[in-house]
Amino acid sequence: MINRPRPNLRRNVFHRPWYMQAVDAAHRVTVLTLVAGTVYYSAFTLRMLYLNYKYRTQYSIEEREEMARQRTGEESPVAAVTAPKESMN
């Protein structure tokens, strides 16, 4: 059997040319920016959906109360404020 030297499987990864290191750094910055932006805007979108849900719920409750007041014949608070007052003389 012939004894051949083993091939060096570990290449010199850390001593790459400067332009490969620069491209690698630019790629990492780009990927991290895209990932961070996606997370940020996803959180922003979920927050806006939640706030819109809260607003719609509150609005629908107020709208139902207003409709109930109109059905019972009560004046709405806006109409009471804007209605002309009788003179107190």
PDB file of N, CA and C in Angstrom:
ATOM      1  N   MET A   1       0.837  -1.174   0.000  1.00  0.00           N
ATOM      2  CA  MET A   1       0.000   0.000   0.000  1.00  0.00           C
ATOM      3  C   MET A   1       0.888   1.245   0.000  1.00  0.00           C
ATOM      4  N   ILE A   2       0.483   2.192  -0.787  1.00  0.00           N
ATOM      5  CA  ILE A   2       1.262   3.415  -0.918  1.00  0.00           C
ATOM      6  C   ILE A   2       0.748   4.432   0.084  1.00  0.00           C
ATOM      7  N   ASN A   3       1.632   5.003   0.823  1.00  0.00           N
ATOM      8  CA  ASN A   3       1.253   6.032   1.786  1.00  0.00           C
ATOM      9  C   ASN A   3       1.285   7.394   1.110  1.00  0.00           C
ATOM     10  N   ARG A   4       0.114   7.901   0.838  1.00  0.00           N
ATOM     11  CA  ARG A   4       0.024   9.241   0.253  1.00  0.00           C
ATOM     12  C   ARG A   4      -0.291  10.242   1.360  1.00  0.00           C
ATOM     13  N   PRO A   5       0.151  11.441   1.205  1.00  0.00           N
ATOM     14  CA  PRO A   5      -0.224  12.438   2.224  1.00  0.00           C
ATOM     15  C   PRO A   5      -1.713  12.741   2.132  1.00  0.00           C
ATOM     16  N   ARG A   6      -2.292  12.920   3.277  1.00  0.00           N
ATOM     17  CA  ARG A   6      -3.727  13.226   3.319  1.00  0.00           C
ATOM     18  C   ARG A   6      -3.969  14.624   2.751  1.00  0.00           C
ATOM     19  N   PRO A   7      -5.057  14.791   2.036  1.00  0.00           N
ATOM     20  CA  PRO A   7      -5.345  16.146   1.526  1.00  0.00           C
ATOM     21  C   PRO A   7      -5.750  17.049   2.682  1.00  0.00           C
ATOM     22  N   ASN A   8      -5.372  18.284   2.578  1.00  0.00           N
ATOM     23  CA  ASN A   8      -5.719  19.262   3.600  1.00  0.00           C
ATOM     24  C   ASN A   8      -7.150  19.738   3.345  1.00  0.00           C
ATOM     25  N   LEU A   9      -8.106  19.211   4.123  1.00  0.00           N
ATOM     26  CA  LEU A   9      -9.519  19.548   3.929  1.00  0.00           C
ATOM     27  C   LEU A   9      -9.869  20.898   4.543  1.00  0.00           C
ATOM     28  N   ARG A  10      -9.062  21.316   5.471  1.00  0.00           N
ATOM     29  CA  ARG A  10      -9.307  22.633   6.070  1.00  0.00           C
ATOM     30  C   ARG A  10      -8.598  23.678   5.225  1.00  0.00           C
ATOM     31  N   ARG A  11      -9.388  24.418   4.533  1.00  0.00           N
ATOM     32  CA  ARG A  11      -8.789  25.460   3.712  1.00  0.00           C
ATOM     33  C   ARG A  11      -8.556  26.694   4.553  1.00  0.00           C
ATOM     34  N   ASN A  12      -7.802  27.553   4.048  1.00  0.00           N
ATOM     35  CA  ASN A  12      -7.469  28.758   4.770  1.00  0.00           C
ATOM     36  C   ASN A  12      -8.617  29.756   4.625  1.00  0.00           C
ATOM     37  N   VAL A  13      -9.681  29.555   5.425  1.00  0.00           N
ATOM     38  CA  VAL A  13     -10.910  30.331   5.288  1.00  0.00           C
ATOM     39  C   VAL A  13     -10.725  31.749   5.800  1.00  0.00           C
ATOM     40  N   PHE A  14      -9.952  31.904   6.845  1.00  0.00           N
ATOM     41  CA  PHE A  14      -9.858  33.210   7.473  1.00  0.00           C
ATOM     42  C   PHE A  14      -8.873  34.139   6.774  1.00  0.00           C
ATOM     43  N   HIS A  15      -8.127  33.633   5.838  1.00  0.00           N
ATOM     44  CA  HIS A  15      -7.187  34.480   5.118  1.00  0.00           C
ATOM     45  C   HIS A  15      -7.602  34.598   3.659  1.00  0.00           C
ATOM     46  N   ARG A  16      -8.838  35.057   3.500  1.00  0.00           N
ATOM     47  CA  ARG A  16      -9.329  35.265   2.145  1.00  0.00           C
ATOM     48  C   ARG A  16      -8.888  36.631   1.654  1.00  0.00           C
ATOM     49  N   PRO A  17      -8.993  36.863   0.376  1.00  0.00           N
ATOM     50  CA  PRO A  17      -8.647  38.200  -0.136  1.00  0.00           C
ATOM     51  C   PRO A  17      -9.579  39.261   0.434  1.00  0.00           C
ATOM     52  N   TRP A  18      -9.117  40.485   0.464  1.00  0.00           N
ATOM     53  CA  TRP A  18      -9.867  41.575   1.076  1.00  0.00           C
ATOM     54  C   TRP A  18     -11.197  41.814   0.396  1.00  0.00           C
ATOM     55  N   TYR A  19     -11.258  41.646  -0.915  1.00  0.00           N
ATOM     56  CA  TYR A  19     -12.515  41.914  -1.617  1.00  0.00           C
ATOM     57  C   TYR A  19     -13.565  40.863  -1.298  1.00  0.00           C
ATOM     58  N   MET A  20     -13.147  39.628  -1.025  1.00  0.00           N
ATOM     59  CA  MET A  20     -14.125  38.607  -0.624  1.00  0.00           C
ATOM     60  C   MET A  20     -14.647  38.900   0.778  1.00  0.00           C
ATOM     61  N   GLN A  21     -13.779  39.374   1.650  1.00  0.00           N
ATOM     62  CA  GLN A  21     -14.219  39.737   2.998  1.00  0.00           C
ATOM     63  C   GLN A  21     -15.165  40.942   2.948  1.00  0.00           C
ATOM     64  N   ALA A  22     -14.880  41.895   2.066  1.00  0.00           N
ATOM     65  CA  ALA A  22     -15.744  43.067   1.938  1.00  0.00           C
ATOM     66  C   ALA A  22     -17.123  42.672   1.409  1.00  0.00           C
ATOM     67  N   VAL A  23     -17.141  41.799   0.414  1.00  0.00           N
ATOM     68  CA  VAL A  23     -18.425  41.344  -0.138  1.00  0.00           C
ATOM     69  C   VAL A  23     -19.191  40.552   0.907  1.00  0.00           C
ATOM     70  N   ASP A  24     -18.493  39.742   1.681  1.00  0.00           N
ATOM     71  CA  ASP A  24     -19.143  38.967   2.737  1.00  0.00           C
ATOM     72  C   ASP A  24     -19.739  39.898   3.793  1.00  0.00           C
ATOM     73  N   ALA A  25     -18.995  40.912   4.178  1.00  0.00           N
ATOM     74  CA  ALA A  25     -19.509  41.867   5.171  1.00  0.00           C
ATOM     75  C   ALA A  25     -20.717  42.617   4.630  1.00  0.00           C
ATOM     76  N   ALA A  26     -20.660  43.037   3.374  1.00  0.00           N
ATOM     77  CA  ALA A  26     -21.798  43.741   2.768  1.00  0.00           C
ATOM     78  C   ALA A  26     -23.026  42.823   2.703  1.00  0.00           C
ATOM     79  N   HIS A  27     -22.812  41.583   2.401  1.00  0.00           N
ATOM     80  CA  HIS A  27     -23.919  40.630   2.331  1.00  0.00           C
ATOM     81  C   HIS A  27     -24.544  40.442   3.715  1.00  0.00           C
ATOM     82  N   ARG A  28     -23.703  40.321   4.736  1.00  0.00           N
ATOM     83  CA  ARG A  28     -24.234  40.155   6.089  1.00  0.00           C
ATOM     84  C   ARG A  28     -25.026  41.372   6.536  1.00  0.00           C
ATOM     85  N   VAL A  29     -24.521  42.554   6.241  1.00  0.00           N
ATOM     86  CA  VAL A  29     -25.244  43.774   6.607  1.00  0.00           C
ATOM     87  C   VAL A  29     -26.591  43.829   5.877  1.00  0.00           C
ATOM     88  N   THR A  30     -26.594  43.469   4.611  1.00  0.00           N
ATOM     89  CA  THR A  30     -27.836  43.490   3.825  1.00  0.00           C
ATOM     90  C   THR A  30     -28.859  42.512   4.396  1.00  0.00           C
ATOM     91  N   VAL A  31     -28.424  41.308   4.692  1.00  0.00           N
ATOM     92  CA  VAL A  31     -29.348  40.293   5.214  1.00  0.00           C
ATOM     93  C   VAL A  31     -29.877  40.714   6.582  1.00  0.00           C
ATOM     94  N   LEU A  32     -28.996  41.188   7.450  1.00  0.00           N
ATOM     95  CA  LEU A  32     -29.452  41.603   8.776  1.00  0.00           C
ATOM     96  C   LEU A  32     -30.401  42.793   8.696  1.00  0.00           C
ATOM     97  N   THR A  33     -30.158  43.700   7.765  1.00  0.00           N
ATOM     98  CA  THR A  33     -31.062  44.839   7.582  1.00  0.00           C
ATOM     99  C   THR A  33     -32.433  44.376   7.112  1.00  0.00           C
ATOM    100  N   LEU A  34     -32.457  43.443   6.175  1.00  0.00           N
ATOM    101  CA  LEU A  34     -33.744  42.937   5.674  1.00  0.00           C
ATOM    102  C   LEU A  34     -34.505  42.186   6.761  1.00  0.00           C
ATOM    103  N   VAL A  35     -33.808  41.384   7.525  1.00  0.00           N
ATOM    104  CA  VAL A  35     -34.470  40.629   8.592  1.00  0.00           C
ATOM    105  C   VAL A  35     -34.986  41.574   9.669  1.00  0.00           C
ATOM    106  N   ALA A  36     -34.147  42.518  10.092  1.00  0.00           N
ATOM    107  CA  ALA A  36     -34.581  43.462  11.128  1.00  0.00           C
ATOM    108  C   ALA A  36     -35.742  44.323  10.635  1.00  0.00           C
ATOM    109  N   GLY A  37     -35.698  44.769   9.394  1.00  0.00           N
ATOM    110  CA  GLY A  37     -36.798  45.561   8.846  1.00  0.00           C
ATOM    111  C   GLY A  37     -38.090  44.769   8.768  1.00  0.00           C
ATOM    112  N   THR A  38     -37.979  43.510   8.394  1.00  0.00           N
ATOM    113  CA  THR A  38     -39.168  42.665   8.329  1.00  0.00           C
ATOM    114  C   THR A  38     -39.793  42.488   9.704  1.00  0.00           C
ATOM    115  N   VAL A  39     -38.972  42.243  10.707  1.00  0.00           N
ATOM    116  CA  VAL A  39     -39.484  42.081  12.071  1.00  0.00           C
ATOM    117  C   VAL A  39     -40.117  43.382  12.552  1.00  0.00           C
ATOM    118  N   TYR A  40     -39.444  44.501  12.317  1.00  0.00           N
ATOM    119  CA  TYR A  40     -39.952  45.799  12.775  1.00  0.00           C
ATOM    120  C   TYR A  40     -41.292  46.116  12.121  1.00  0.00           C
ATOM    121  N   TYR A  41     -41.374  45.997  10.810  1.00  0.00           N
ATOM    122  CA  TYR A  41     -42.610  46.360  10.126  1.00  0.00           C
ATOM    123  C   TYR A  41     -43.722  45.347  10.372  1.00  0.00           C
ATOM    124  N   SER A  42     -43.381  44.105  10.639  1.00  0.00           N
ATOM    125  CA  SER A  42     -44.408  43.130  11.018  1.00  0.00           C
ATOM    126  C   SER A  42     -45.001  43.503  12.370  1.00  0.00           C
ATOM    127  N   ALA A  43     -44.140  43.872  13.314  1.00  0.00           N
ATOM    128  CA  ALA A  43     -44.633  44.288  14.630  1.00  0.00           C
ATOM    129  C   ALA A  43     -45.476  45.559  14.498  1.00  0.00           C
ATOM    130  N   PHE A  44     -45.048  46.502  13.678  1.00  0.00           N
ATOM    131  CA  PHE A  44     -45.806  47.736  13.462  1.00  0.00           C
ATOM    132  C   PHE A  44     -47.183  47.428  12.868  1.00  0.00           C
ATOM    133  N   THR A  45     -47.223  46.525  11.890  1.00  0.00           N
ATOM    134  CA  THR A  45     -48.495  46.165  11.254  1.00  0.00           C
ATOM    135  C   THR A  45     -49.423  45.477  12.246  1.00  0.00           C
ATOM    136  N   LEU A  46     -48.890  44.562  13.057  1.00  0.00           N
ATOM    137  CA  LEU A  46     -49.721  43.883  14.058  1.00  0.00           C
ATOM    138  C   LEU A  46     -50.252  44.879  15.087  1.00  0.00           C
ATOM    139  N   ARG A  47     -49.419  45.858  15.479  1.00  0.00           N
ATOM    140  CA  ARG A  47     -49.873  46.876  16.424  1.00  0.00           C
ATOM    141  C   ARG A  47     -50.996  47.701  15.827  1.00  0.00           C
ATOM    142  N   MET A  48     -50.874  48.090  14.569  1.00  0.00           N
ATOM    143  CA  MET A  48     -51.931  48.879  13.936  1.00  0.00           C
ATOM    144  C   MET A  48     -53.218  48.066  13.791  1.00  0.00           C
ATOM    145  N   LEU A  49     -53.099  46.788  13.467  1.00  0.00           N
ATOM    146  CA  LEU A  49     -54.298  45.944  13.385  1.00  0.00           C
ATOM    147  C   LEU A  49     -55.000  45.866  14.736  1.00  0.00           C
ATOM    148  N   TYR A  50     -54.207  45.724  15.802  1.00  0.00           N
ATOM    149  CA  TYR A  50     -54.789  45.652  17.144  1.00  0.00           C
ATOM    150  C   TYR A  50     -55.465  46.969  17.517  1.00  0.00           C
ATOM    151  N   LEU A  51     -54.808  48.100  17.252  1.00  0.00           N
ATOM    152  CA  LEU A  51     -55.402  49.389  17.601  1.00  0.00           C
ATOM    153  C   LEU A  51     -56.663  49.661  16.774  1.00  0.00           C
ATOM    154  N   ASN A  52     -56.662  49.273  15.504  1.00  0.00           N
ATOM    155  CA  ASN A  52     -57.868  49.436  14.686  1.00  0.00           C
ATOM    156  C   ASN A  52     -58.999  48.567  15.205  1.00  0.00           C
ATOM    157  N   TYR A  53     -58.661  47.349  15.660  1.00  0.00           N
ATOM    158  CA  TYR A  53     -59.682  46.464  16.229  1.00  0.00           C
ATOM    159  C   TYR A  53     -60.288  47.100  17.475  1.00  0.00           C
ATOM    160  N   LYS A  54     -59.425  47.660  18.351  1.00  0.00           N
ATOM    161  CA  LYS A  54     -59.923  48.317  19.554  1.00  0.00           C
ATOM    162  C   LYS A  54     -60.806  49.506  19.199  1.00  0.00           C
ATOM    163  N   TYR A  55     -60.368  50.305  18.230  1.00  0.00           N
ATOM    164  CA  TYR A  55     -61.136  51.477  17.825  1.00  0.00           C
ATOM    165  C   TYR A  55     -62.493  51.071  17.253  1.00  0.00           C
ATOM    166  N   ARG A  56     -62.494  50.066  16.371  1.00  0.00           N
ATOM    167  CA  ARG A  56     -63.761  49.622  15.775  1.00  0.00           C
ATOM    168  C   ARG A  56     -64.701  49.076  16.830  1.00  0.00           C
ATOM    169  N   THR A  57     -64.172  48.340  17.813  1.00  0.00           N
ATOM    170  CA  THR A  57     -65.007  47.792  18.869  1.00  0.00           C
ATOM    171  C   THR A  57     -65.637  48.920  19.674  1.00  0.00           C
ATOM    172  N   GLN A  58     -64.828  49.901  20.082  1.00  0.00           N
ATOM    173  CA  GLN A  58     -65.347  51.026  20.856  1.00  0.00           C
ATOM    174  C   GLN A  58     -66.351  51.828  20.037  1.00  0.00           C
ATOM    175  N   TYR A  59     -66.041  52.044  18.762  1.00  0.00           N
ATOM    176  CA  TYR A  59     -66.946  52.793  17.901  1.00  0.00           C
ATOM    177  C   TYR A  59     -68.285  52.074  17.746  1.00  0.00           C
ATOM    178  N   SER A  60     -68.241  50.752  17.581  1.00  0.00           N
ATOM    179  CA  SER A  60     -69.491  50.014  17.397  1.00  0.00           C
ATOM    180  C   SER A  60     -70.318  50.031  18.678  1.00  0.00           C
ATOM    181  N   ILE A  61     -69.662  50.002  19.840  1.00  0.00           N
ATOM    182  CA  ILE A  61     -70.404  50.082  21.105  1.00  0.00           C
ATOM    183  C   ILE A  61     -71.080  51.442  21.217  1.00  0.00           C
ATOM    184  N   GLU A  62     -70.346  52.512  20.921  1.00  0.00           N
ATOM    185  CA  GLU A  62     -70.932  53.852  20.990  1.00  0.00           C
ATOM    186  C   GLU A  62     -72.056  54.014  19.963  1.00  0.00           C
ATOM    187  N   GLU A  63     -71.865  53.441  18.792  1.00  0.00           N
ATOM    188  CA  GLU A  63     -72.889  53.532  17.753  1.00  0.00           C
ATOM    189  C   GLU A  63     -74.160  52.798  18.187  1.00  0.00           C
ATOM    190  N   ARG A  64     -74.009  51.634  18.815  1.00  0.00           N
ATOM    191  CA  ARG A  64     -75.186  50.901  19.298  1.00  0.00           C
ATOM    192  C   ARG A  64     -75.900  51.678  20.399  1.00  0.00           C
ATOM    193  N   GLU A  65     -75.135  52.302  21.299  1.00  0.00           N
ATOM    194  CA  GLU A  65     -75.751  53.107  22.348  1.00  0.00           C
ATOM    195  C   GLU A  65     -76.510  54.290  21.754  1.00  0.00           C
ATOM    196  N   GLU A  66     -75.934  54.922  20.753  1.00  0.00           N
ATOM    197  CA  GLU A  66     -76.603  56.046  20.096  1.00  0.00           C
ATOM    198  C   GLU A  66     -77.896  55.593  19.411  1.00  0.00           C
ATOM    199  N   MET A  67     -77.863  54.462  18.759  1.00  0.00           N
ATOM    200  CA  MET A  67     -79.082  53.944  18.111  1.00  0.00           C
ATOM    201  C   MET A  67     -80.140  53.603  19.155  1.00  0.00           C
ATOM    202  N   ALA A  68     -79.714  53.060  20.290  1.00  0.00           N
ATOM    203  CA  ALA A  68     -80.677  52.737  21.348  1.00  0.00           C
ATOM    204  C   ALA A  68     -81.299  54.008  21.907  1.00  0.00           C
ATOM    205  N   ARG A  69     -80.503  55.064  22.069  1.00  0.00           N
ATOM    206  CA  ARG A  69     -81.045  56.343  22.543  1.00  0.00           C
ATOM    207  C   ARG A  69     -82.074  56.902  21.553  1.00  0.00           C
ATOM    208  N   GLN A  70     -81.774  56.789  20.275  1.00  0.00           N
ATOM    209  CA  GLN A  70     -82.694  57.313  19.268  1.00  0.00           C
ATOM    210  C   GLN A  70     -83.988  56.509  19.255  1.00  0.00           C
ATOM    211  N   ARG A  71     -83.893  55.218  19.488  1.00  0.00           N
ATOM    212  CA  ARG A  71     -85.106  54.392  19.508  1.00  0.00           C
ATOM    213  C   ARG A  71     -85.989  54.734  20.702  1.00  0.00           C
ATOM    214  N   THR A  72     -85.375  55.042  21.852  1.00  0.00           N
ATOM    215  CA  THR A  72     -86.167  55.335  23.043  1.00  0.00           C
ATOM    216  C   THR A  72     -86.643  56.777  23.069  1.00  0.00           C
ATOM    217  N   GLY A  73     -86.159  57.600  22.146  1.00  0.00           N
ATOM    218  CA  GLY A  73     -86.629  58.971  22.060  1.00  0.00           C
ATOM    219  C   GLY A  73     -85.799  59.945  22.868  1.00  0.00           C
ATOM    220  N   GLU A  74     -84.757  59.490  23.498  1.00  0.00           N
ATOM    221  CA  GLU A  74     -83.899  60.404  24.252  1.00  0.00           C
ATOM    222  C   GLU A  74     -83.096  61.250  23.287  1.00  0.00           C
ATOM    223  N   GLU A  75     -82.738  62.420  23.742  1.00  0.00           N
ATOM    224  CA  GLU A  75     -81.885  63.276  22.918  1.00  0.00           C
ATOM    225  C   GLU A  75     -80.449  62.835  23.072  1.00  0.00           C
ATOM    226  N   SER A  76     -79.718  62.958  22.013  1.00  0.00           N
ATOM    227  CA  SER A  76     -78.292  62.645  22.103  1.00  0.00           C
ATOM    228  C   SER A  76     -77.587  63.767  22.853  1.00  0.00           C
ATOM    229  N   PRO A  77     -76.463  63.502  23.475  1.00  0.00           N
ATOM    230  CA  PRO A  77     -75.754  64.559  24.209  1.00  0.00           C
ATOM    231  C   PRO A  77     -75.334  65.709  23.299  1.00  0.00           C
ATOM    232  N   VAL A  78     -75.060  65.463  22.064  1.00  0.00           N
ATOM    233  CA  VAL A  78     -74.675  66.529  21.135  1.00  0.00           C
ATOM    234  C   VAL A  78     -75.857  67.435  20.862  1.00  0.00           C
ATOM    235  N   ALA A  79     -77.026  66.855  20.680  1.00  0.00           N
ATOM    236  CA  ALA A  79     -78.216  67.651  20.409  1.00  0.00           C
ATOM    237  C   ALA A  79     -78.586  68.494  21.628  1.00  0.00           C
ATOM    238  N   ALA A  80     -78.356  67.982  22.822  1.00  0.00           N
ATOM    239  CA  ALA A  80     -78.676  68.729  24.033  1.00  0.00           C
ATOM    240  C   ALA A  80     -77.763  69.939  24.188  1.00  0.00           C
ATOM    241  N   VAL A  81     -76.543  69.808  23.803  1.00  0.00           N
ATOM    242  CA  VAL A  81     -75.593  70.906  23.923  1.00  0.00           C
ATOM    243  C   VAL A  81     -75.862  71.975  22.871  1.00  0.00           C
ATOM    244  N   THR A  82     -76.185  71.545  21.656  1.00  0.00           N
ATOM    245  CA  THR A  82     -76.366  72.510  20.565  1.00  0.00           C
ATOM    246  C   THR A  82     -77.762  73.110  20.503  1.00  0.00           C
ATOM    247  N   ALA A  83     -78.712  72.554  21.235  1.00  0.00           N
ATOM    248  CA  ALA A  83     -80.077  73.064  21.213  1.00  0.00           C
ATOM    249  C   ALA A  83     -80.112  74.441  21.885  1.00  0.00           C
ATOM    250  N   PRO A  84     -80.951  75.372  21.359  1.00  0.00           N
ATOM    251  CA  PRO A  84     -81.042  76.699  21.989  1.00  0.00           C
ATOM    252  C   PRO A  84     -81.696  76.603  23.348  1.00  0.00           C
ATOM    253  N   LYS A  85     -81.136  77.318  24.310  1.00  0.00           N
ATOM    254  CA  LYS A  85     -81.661  77.282  25.664  1.00  0.00           C
ATOM    255  C   LYS A  85     -82.715  78.404  25.833  1.00  0.00           C
ATOM    256  N   GLU A  86     -83.675  78.131  26.649  1.00  0.00           N
ATOM    257  CA  GLU A  86     -84.700  79.142  26.931  1.00  0.00           C
ATOM    258  C   GLU A  86     -84.099  80.211  27.843  1.00  0.00           C
ATOM    259  N   SER A  87     -84.615  81.396  27.719  1.00  0.00           N
ATOM    260  CA  SER A  87     -84.062  82.485  28.544  1.00  0.00           C
ATOM    261  C   SER A  87     -84.518  82.289  29.980  1.00  0.00           C
ATOM    262  N   MET A  88     -83.673  82.606  30.902  1.00  0.00           N
ATOM    263  CA  MET A  88     -83.939  82.413  32.312  1.00  0.00           C
ATOM    264  C   MET A  88     -84.612  83.636  32.944  1.00  0.00           C
ATOM    265  N   ASN A  89     -84.931  84.659  32.162  1.00  0.00           N
ATOM    266  CA  ASN A  89     -85.497  85.902  32.730  1.00  0.00           C
ATOM    267  C   ASN A  89     -86.791  85.620  33.335  1.00  0.00           C
TER     268      ASN A  89
END
